[in-house]
Amino acid sequence: MIFYWFLVRPKTSGVKCLIEQNGKFLMIRNTYGEKHWTLPGGGIKKGESPERAALREVEEEVGILLSSVRKIGEYRSNREYKADTIHCFYATANSPKISIDKGEILEAAWFTPQTIPSFRSTATEKVLDLYRSSS
């Protein structure tokens, strides 16, 4: 599979969503991978807009129904021989209540800007930088 990716370099698109509620930001740890703290997100389905994908991923992963998201930027990643475009969004949650998908999410928690864990993914750092530059 890696050989195929190396030759073809498939282009994929995904989303990440920074969610704020009363001055705190929601972060998650997945059940797979390096288990860094990261943000809700995932792949964009065929025919789906990035905005709709962000709303869907947040609902699936942490059970939060967002009414809207605001795009704060995007970045490109060439990990695993793929050319990924990650669309980054910001949203405000009406409630701090979360309900995680235990098959995918190990843990979810709200953090103030000062207490955001340092053991976080590179993707999370990129989204936080985009948020800071858009505010």
N, C-alpha and C. Protein backbone atom coordinates (compact mmCIF):
# COMPACT_ATOMS: atom_id res chain seq x y z
N MET A 1 0.82 -1.19 0.00
CA MET A 1 0.00 0.00 0.00
C MET A 1 0.87 1.26 0.00
N ILE A 2 1.93 1.27 0.78
CA ILE A 2 2.81 2.43 0.81
C ILE A 2 3.42 2.67 -0.57
N PHE A 3 3.79 1.59 -1.27
CA PHE A 3 4.36 1.72 -2.61
C PHE A 3 3.35 2.40 -3.53
N TYR A 4 2.08 2.00 -3.43
CA TYR A 4 1.01 2.62 -4.23
C TYR A 4 0.92 4.11 -3.90
N TRP A 5 0.88 4.44 -2.61
CA TRP A 5 0.78 5.84 -2.20
C TRP A 5 1.97 6.64 -2.70
N PHE A 6 3.17 6.02 -2.64
CA PHE A 6 4.38 6.70 -3.08
C PHE A 6 4.30 7.02 -4.57
N LEU A 7 3.80 6.08 -5.37
CA LEU A 7 3.70 6.28 -6.81
C LEU A 7 2.58 7.24 -7.19
N VAL A 8 1.43 7.07 -6.59
CA VAL A 8 0.24 7.81 -6.99
C VAL A 8 0.08 9.13 -6.23
N ARG A 9 0.55 9.17 -5.00
CA ARG A 9 0.37 10.33 -4.12
C ARG A 9 -1.09 10.79 -4.09
N PRO A 10 -1.98 9.94 -3.57
CA PRO A 10 -3.40 10.32 -3.55
C PRO A 10 -3.62 11.60 -2.75
N LYS A 11 -4.59 12.37 -3.20
CA LYS A 11 -4.95 13.61 -2.51
C LYS A 11 -6.19 13.33 -1.66
N THR A 12 -6.08 13.64 -0.39
CA THR A 12 -7.21 13.46 0.51
C THR A 12 -7.51 14.79 1.20
N SER A 13 -8.70 14.90 1.73
CA SER A 13 -9.10 16.11 2.45
C SER A 13 -9.70 15.73 3.78
N GLY A 14 -9.40 16.53 4.78
CA GLY A 14 -9.92 16.29 6.10
C GLY A 14 -10.26 17.59 6.80
N VAL A 15 -10.76 17.47 8.02
CA VAL A 15 -11.14 18.63 8.82
C VAL A 15 -10.64 18.47 10.25
N LYS A 16 -10.42 19.60 10.90
CA LYS A 16 -10.16 19.68 12.34
C LYS A 16 -11.01 20.82 12.86
N CYS A 17 -11.55 20.68 14.06
CA CYS A 17 -12.42 21.72 14.61
C CYS A 17 -12.01 22.08 16.03
N LEU A 18 -11.68 23.35 16.22
CA LEU A 18 -11.38 23.89 17.53
C LEU A 18 -12.69 24.40 18.12
N ILE A 19 -13.11 23.79 19.23
CA ILE A 19 -14.40 24.11 19.83
C ILE A 19 -14.16 24.81 21.17
N GLU A 20 -14.81 25.95 21.35
CA GLU A 20 -14.67 26.73 22.58
C GLU A 20 -16.00 26.77 23.31
N GLN A 21 -15.91 26.74 24.65
CA GLN A 21 -17.10 26.87 25.48
C GLN A 21 -16.67 27.53 26.77
N ASN A 22 -17.17 28.74 27.02
CA ASN A 22 -16.81 29.50 28.23
C ASN A 22 -15.30 29.62 28.44
N GLY A 23 -14.57 29.95 27.38
CA GLY A 23 -13.13 30.17 27.50
C GLY A 23 -12.28 28.92 27.55
N LYS A 24 -12.89 27.76 27.39
CA LYS A 24 -12.15 26.49 27.38
C LYS A 24 -12.26 25.84 26.01
N PHE A 25 -11.23 25.08 25.66
CA PHE A 25 -11.19 24.40 24.37
C PHE A 25 -11.27 22.89 24.56
N LEU A 26 -12.03 22.24 23.68
CA LEU A 26 -12.21 20.80 23.75
C LEU A 26 -11.08 20.08 23.02
N MET A 27 -10.47 19.13 23.69
CA MET A 27 -9.44 18.31 23.07
C MET A 27 -9.76 16.85 23.34
N ILE A 28 -9.29 16.00 22.43
CA ILE A 28 -9.56 14.56 22.53
C ILE A 28 -8.26 13.77 22.40
N ARG A 29 -8.32 12.54 22.87
CA ARG A 29 -7.25 11.57 22.61
C ARG A 29 -7.91 10.36 21.96
N ASN A 30 -7.37 9.96 20.80
CA ASN A 30 -7.93 8.82 20.06
C ASN A 30 -7.49 7.51 20.69
N THR A 31 -8.23 6.46 20.39
CA THR A 31 -7.89 5.12 20.90
C THR A 31 -6.76 4.50 20.10
N TYR A 32 -6.37 5.11 19.00
CA TYR A 32 -5.34 4.57 18.11
C TYR A 32 -4.21 5.59 17.95
N GLY A 33 -3.13 5.17 17.33
CA GLY A 33 -2.02 6.08 17.06
C GLY A 33 -1.23 6.39 18.31
N GLU A 34 -0.61 7.56 18.30
CA GLU A 34 0.29 7.96 19.40
C GLU A 34 -0.45 8.50 20.61
N LYS A 35 -1.74 8.65 20.51
CA LYS A 35 -2.60 9.10 21.61
C LYS A 35 -2.26 10.52 22.10
N HIS A 36 -1.75 11.35 21.19
CA HIS A 36 -1.57 12.77 21.51
C HIS A 36 -2.93 13.39 21.77
N TRP A 37 -2.94 14.51 22.46
CA TRP A 37 -4.15 15.31 22.53
C TRP A 37 -4.31 15.98 21.18
N THR A 38 -5.49 15.96 20.66
CA THR A 38 -5.77 16.52 19.35
C THR A 38 -7.16 17.14 19.36
N LEU A 39 -7.65 17.48 18.19
CA LEU A 39 -8.97 18.10 18.06
C LEU A 39 -9.90 17.18 17.30
N PRO A 40 -11.20 17.29 17.54
CA PRO A 40 -12.13 16.48 16.76
C PRO A 40 -11.96 16.76 15.26
N GLY A 41 -12.12 15.72 14.48
CA GLY A 41 -12.00 15.89 13.04
C GLY A 41 -11.89 14.55 12.35
N GLY A 42 -11.73 14.61 11.04
CA GLY A 42 -11.62 13.38 10.26
C GLY A 42 -11.72 13.68 8.79
N GLY A 43 -11.99 12.64 8.02
CA GLY A 43 -12.04 12.76 6.57
C GLY A 43 -13.33 13.36 6.05
N ILE A 44 -13.22 13.97 4.88
CA ILE A 44 -14.38 14.51 4.19
C ILE A 44 -14.90 13.44 3.24
N LYS A 45 -16.18 13.13 3.35
CA LYS A 45 -16.79 12.12 2.47
C LYS A 45 -17.04 12.71 1.08
N LYS A 46 -17.10 11.83 0.10
CA LYS A 46 -17.35 12.25 -1.28
C LYS A 46 -18.67 13.03 -1.36
N GLY A 47 -18.62 14.21 -1.97
CA GLY A 47 -19.80 15.05 -2.11
C GLY A 47 -20.12 15.90 -0.90
N GLU A 48 -19.33 15.79 0.16
CA GLU A 48 -19.58 16.53 1.40
C GLU A 48 -18.72 17.79 1.42
N SER A 49 -19.27 18.89 1.89
CA SER A 49 -18.48 20.12 2.03
C SER A 49 -17.60 20.00 3.27
N PRO A 50 -16.49 20.74 3.31
CA PRO A 50 -15.66 20.73 4.53
C PRO A 50 -16.45 21.16 5.76
N GLU A 51 -17.32 22.15 5.62
CA GLU A 51 -18.12 22.62 6.76
C GLU A 51 -19.02 21.51 7.28
N ARG A 52 -19.69 20.82 6.38
CA ARG A 52 -20.58 19.72 6.79
C ARG A 52 -19.78 18.60 7.44
N ALA A 53 -18.60 18.31 6.89
CA ALA A 53 -17.74 17.27 7.47
C ALA A 53 -17.34 17.63 8.90
N ALA A 54 -17.02 18.90 9.14
CA ALA A 54 -16.64 19.32 10.49
C ALA A 54 -17.81 19.13 11.45
N LEU A 55 -19.00 19.55 11.04
CA LEU A 55 -20.19 19.37 11.89
C LEU A 55 -20.44 17.89 12.18
N ARG A 56 -20.33 17.06 11.16
CA ARG A 56 -20.57 15.62 11.31
C ARG A 56 -19.53 14.98 12.22
N GLU A 57 -18.26 15.27 11.99
CA GLU A 57 -17.20 14.65 12.79
C GLU A 57 -17.32 15.02 14.27
N VAL A 58 -17.63 16.28 14.55
CA VAL A 58 -17.79 16.70 15.94
C VAL A 58 -18.95 15.95 16.59
N GLU A 59 -20.06 15.84 15.88
CA GLU A 59 -21.20 15.11 16.43
C GLU A 59 -20.86 13.64 16.66
N GLU A 60 -20.20 13.01 15.69
CA GLU A 60 -19.86 11.59 15.81
C GLU A 60 -18.87 11.32 16.94
N GLU A 61 -17.86 12.16 17.06
CA GLU A 61 -16.79 11.89 18.02
C GLU A 61 -17.11 12.30 19.45
N VAL A 62 -17.77 13.46 19.63
CA VAL A 62 -17.99 13.96 20.99
C VAL A 62 -19.45 14.29 21.30
N GLY A 63 -20.36 14.01 20.36
CA GLY A 63 -21.78 14.19 20.62
C GLY A 63 -22.26 15.62 20.73
N ILE A 64 -21.50 16.57 20.21
CA ILE A 64 -21.90 17.97 20.26
C ILE A 64 -22.53 18.37 18.93
N LEU A 65 -23.75 18.91 19.01
CA LEU A 65 -24.43 19.42 17.81
C LEU A 65 -24.11 20.90 17.68
N LEU A 66 -23.26 21.23 16.73
CA LEU A 66 -22.92 22.62 16.48
C LEU A 66 -23.87 23.18 15.43
N SER A 67 -24.27 24.44 15.59
CA SER A 67 -25.14 25.05 14.59
C SER A 67 -24.34 25.57 13.41
N SER A 68 -23.09 25.95 13.64
CA SER A 68 -22.26 26.44 12.54
C SER A 68 -20.79 26.37 12.94
N VAL A 69 -19.94 26.47 11.93
CA VAL A 69 -18.50 26.53 12.13
C VAL A 69 -17.96 27.68 11.28
N ARG A 70 -16.82 28.23 11.70
CA ARG A 70 -16.17 29.31 10.96
C ARG A 70 -14.80 28.83 10.51
N LYS A 71 -14.54 28.91 9.22
CA LYS A 71 -13.25 28.45 8.71
C LYS A 71 -12.17 29.44 9.13
N ILE A 72 -11.09 28.91 9.70
CA ILE A 72 -9.98 29.77 10.12
C ILE A 72 -8.74 29.55 9.26
N GLY A 73 -8.81 28.59 8.35
CA GLY A 73 -7.69 28.36 7.44
C GLY A 73 -7.59 26.91 7.03
N GLU A 74 -6.49 26.60 6.38
CA GLU A 74 -6.21 25.22 5.99
C GLU A 74 -4.71 25.06 5.89
N TYR A 75 -4.28 23.82 5.93
CA TYR A 75 -2.86 23.53 5.74
C TYR A 75 -2.73 22.23 4.97
N ARG A 76 -1.56 22.03 4.44
CA ARG A 76 -1.28 20.81 3.68
C ARG A 76 -0.28 19.96 4.43
N SER A 77 -0.47 18.66 4.32
CA SER A 77 0.40 17.69 4.98
C SER A 77 0.75 16.60 3.98
N ASN A 78 1.98 16.17 3.97
CA ASN A 78 2.41 15.10 3.07
C ASN A 78 2.84 13.86 3.85
N ARG A 79 2.13 13.56 4.89
CA ARG A 79 2.43 12.38 5.70
C ARG A 79 2.03 11.12 4.97
N GLU A 80 2.71 10.05 5.26
CA GLU A 80 2.38 8.72 4.75
C GLU A 80 2.23 8.71 3.23
N TYR A 81 3.03 9.53 2.55
CA TYR A 81 3.04 9.57 1.08
C TYR A 81 1.72 10.05 0.48
N LYS A 82 0.89 10.69 1.28
CA LYS A 82 -0.36 11.24 0.78
C LYS A 82 -0.26 12.76 0.79
N ALA A 83 -1.02 13.39 -0.07
CA ALA A 83 -1.11 14.85 -0.09
C ALA A 83 -2.44 15.24 0.55
N ASP A 84 -2.41 15.55 1.83
CA ASP A 84 -3.62 15.88 2.57
C ASP A 84 -3.83 17.39 2.62
N THR A 85 -5.07 17.82 2.45
CA THR A 85 -5.47 19.20 2.73
C THR A 85 -6.39 19.14 3.93
N ILE A 86 -6.01 19.84 4.99
CA ILE A 86 -6.80 19.85 6.22
C ILE A 86 -7.46 21.22 6.36
N HIS A 87 -8.80 21.22 6.35
CA HIS A 87 -9.59 22.44 6.52
C HIS A 87 -9.83 22.62 8.02
N CYS A 88 -9.52 23.81 8.53
CA CYS A 88 -9.57 24.05 9.97
C CYS A 88 -10.70 25.02 10.31
N PHE A 89 -11.45 24.66 11.35
CA PHE A 89 -12.63 25.42 11.73
C PHE A 89 -12.61 25.76 13.21
N TYR A 90 -13.38 26.80 13.55
CA TYR A 90 -13.60 27.22 14.93
C TYR A 90 -15.11 27.22 15.15
N ALA A 91 -15.53 26.82 16.34
CA ALA A 91 -16.95 26.84 16.69
C ALA A 91 -17.11 27.07 18.18
N THR A 92 -18.28 27.54 18.55
CA THR A 92 -18.62 27.72 19.96
C THR A 92 -19.70 26.71 20.32
N ALA A 93 -19.48 25.99 21.41
CA ALA A 93 -20.47 25.01 21.89
C ALA A 93 -21.40 25.69 22.88
N ASN A 94 -22.66 25.31 22.86
CA ASN A 94 -23.64 25.87 23.79
C ASN A 94 -23.54 25.25 25.18
N SER A 95 -22.99 24.05 25.25
CA SER A 95 -22.93 23.31 26.52
C SER A 95 -21.59 22.58 26.62
N PRO A 96 -21.07 22.40 27.84
CA PRO A 96 -19.83 21.64 27.99
C PRO A 96 -20.04 20.13 27.95
N LYS A 97 -21.31 19.69 27.86
CA LYS A 97 -21.61 18.26 27.90
C LYS A 97 -21.07 17.57 26.65
N ILE A 98 -20.34 16.48 26.87
CA ILE A 98 -19.81 15.69 25.75
C ILE A 98 -20.19 14.23 25.94
N SER A 99 -20.27 13.53 24.84
CA SER A 99 -20.57 12.10 24.84
C SER A 99 -19.66 11.46 23.80
N ILE A 100 -18.60 10.81 24.27
CA ILE A 100 -17.58 10.33 23.34
C ILE A 100 -17.94 9.00 22.68
N ASP A 101 -17.43 8.83 21.48
CA ASP A 101 -17.50 7.55 20.76
C ASP A 101 -16.36 6.70 21.30
N LYS A 102 -16.67 5.78 22.22
CA LYS A 102 -15.63 5.02 22.91
C LYS A 102 -14.83 4.10 22.01
N GLY A 103 -15.34 3.81 20.82
CA GLY A 103 -14.57 3.02 19.87
C GLY A 103 -13.44 3.80 19.24
N GLU A 104 -13.59 5.12 19.20
CA GLU A 104 -12.61 5.97 18.54
C GLU A 104 -11.91 6.93 19.50
N ILE A 105 -12.62 7.36 20.54
CA ILE A 105 -12.10 8.38 21.45
C ILE A 105 -11.81 7.77 22.81
N LEU A 106 -10.57 7.91 23.25
CA LEU A 106 -10.13 7.41 24.55
C LEU A 106 -10.56 8.36 25.66
N GLU A 107 -10.44 9.65 25.38
CA GLU A 107 -10.67 10.66 26.41
C GLU A 107 -10.97 12.00 25.74
N ALA A 108 -11.79 12.81 26.38
CA ALA A 108 -12.08 14.17 25.92
C ALA A 108 -12.18 15.06 27.14
N ALA A 109 -11.67 16.29 27.01
CA ALA A 109 -11.69 17.21 28.15
C ALA A 109 -11.60 18.65 27.65
N TRP A 110 -12.07 19.56 28.50
CA TRP A 110 -12.01 20.99 28.21
C TRP A 110 -10.79 21.58 28.91
N PHE A 111 -10.06 22.44 28.20
CA PHE A 111 -8.85 23.05 28.74
C PHE A 111 -8.86 24.56 28.52
N THR A 112 -8.38 25.31 29.51
CA THR A 112 -8.16 26.74 29.30
C THR A 112 -6.93 26.88 28.40
N PRO A 113 -6.74 28.04 27.78
CA PRO A 113 -5.55 28.22 26.95
C PRO A 113 -4.25 27.93 27.71
N GLN A 114 -4.24 28.21 29.01
CA GLN A 114 -3.03 27.99 29.81
C GLN A 114 -2.80 26.53 30.17
N THR A 115 -3.85 25.72 30.12
CA THR A 115 -3.70 24.31 30.55
C THR A 115 -3.77 23.31 29.40
N ILE A 116 -3.77 23.80 28.15
CA ILE A 116 -3.76 22.87 27.01
C ILE A 116 -2.53 21.98 27.13
N PRO A 117 -2.70 20.66 27.06
CA PRO A 117 -1.57 19.75 27.25
C PRO A 117 -0.45 19.98 26.23
N SER A 118 0.78 19.82 26.69
CA SER A 118 1.93 19.97 25.78
C SER A 118 2.08 18.72 24.90
N PHE A 119 1.55 17.57 25.35
CA PHE A 119 1.61 16.34 24.55
C PHE A 119 0.45 16.37 23.57
N ARG A 120 0.61 17.20 22.53
CA ARG A 120 -0.44 17.37 21.54
C ARG A 120 0.12 17.14 20.14
N SER A 121 -0.77 16.86 19.23
CA SER A 121 -0.35 16.54 17.86
C SER A 121 0.13 17.78 17.12
N THR A 122 0.92 17.55 16.09
CA THR A 122 1.37 18.62 15.21
C THR A 122 0.17 19.30 14.57
N ALA A 123 -0.83 18.52 14.19
CA ALA A 123 -2.05 19.07 13.59
C ALA A 123 -2.72 20.05 14.55
N THR A 124 -2.77 19.71 15.82
CA THR A 124 -3.38 20.59 16.82
C THR A 124 -2.62 21.90 16.90
N GLU A 125 -1.31 21.82 16.89
CA GLU A 125 -0.47 23.02 16.94
C GLU A 125 -0.76 23.93 15.74
N LYS A 126 -0.91 23.33 14.57
CA LYS A 126 -1.20 24.12 13.36
C LYS A 126 -2.55 24.80 13.46
N VAL A 127 -3.56 24.10 13.97
CA VAL A 127 -4.89 24.70 14.12
C VAL A 127 -4.85 25.83 15.15
N LEU A 128 -4.17 25.62 16.26
CA LEU A 128 -4.06 26.67 17.28
C LEU A 128 -3.36 27.90 16.71
N ASP A 129 -2.32 27.72 15.90
CA ASP A 129 -1.64 28.85 15.25
C ASP A 129 -2.59 29.59 14.31
N LEU A 130 -3.38 28.85 13.53
CA LEU A 130 -4.35 29.49 12.64
C LEU A 130 -5.38 30.28 13.43
N TYR A 131 -5.83 29.71 14.55
CA TYR A 131 -6.81 30.39 15.40
C TYR A 131 -6.23 31.69 15.95
N ARG A 132 -5.01 31.62 16.47
CA ARG A 132 -4.37 32.82 17.03
C ARG A 132 -4.22 33.91 15.97
N SER A 133 -3.86 33.52 14.76
CA SER A 133 -3.65 34.52 13.70
C SER A 133 -4.96 35.05 13.12
N SER A 134 -6.07 34.34 13.35
CA SER A 134 -7.37 34.79 12.82
C SER A 134 -8.15 35.62 13.83
N SER A 135 -7.72 35.61 15.09
CA SER A 135 -8.46 36.31 16.15
C SER A 135 -8.12 37.79 16.21
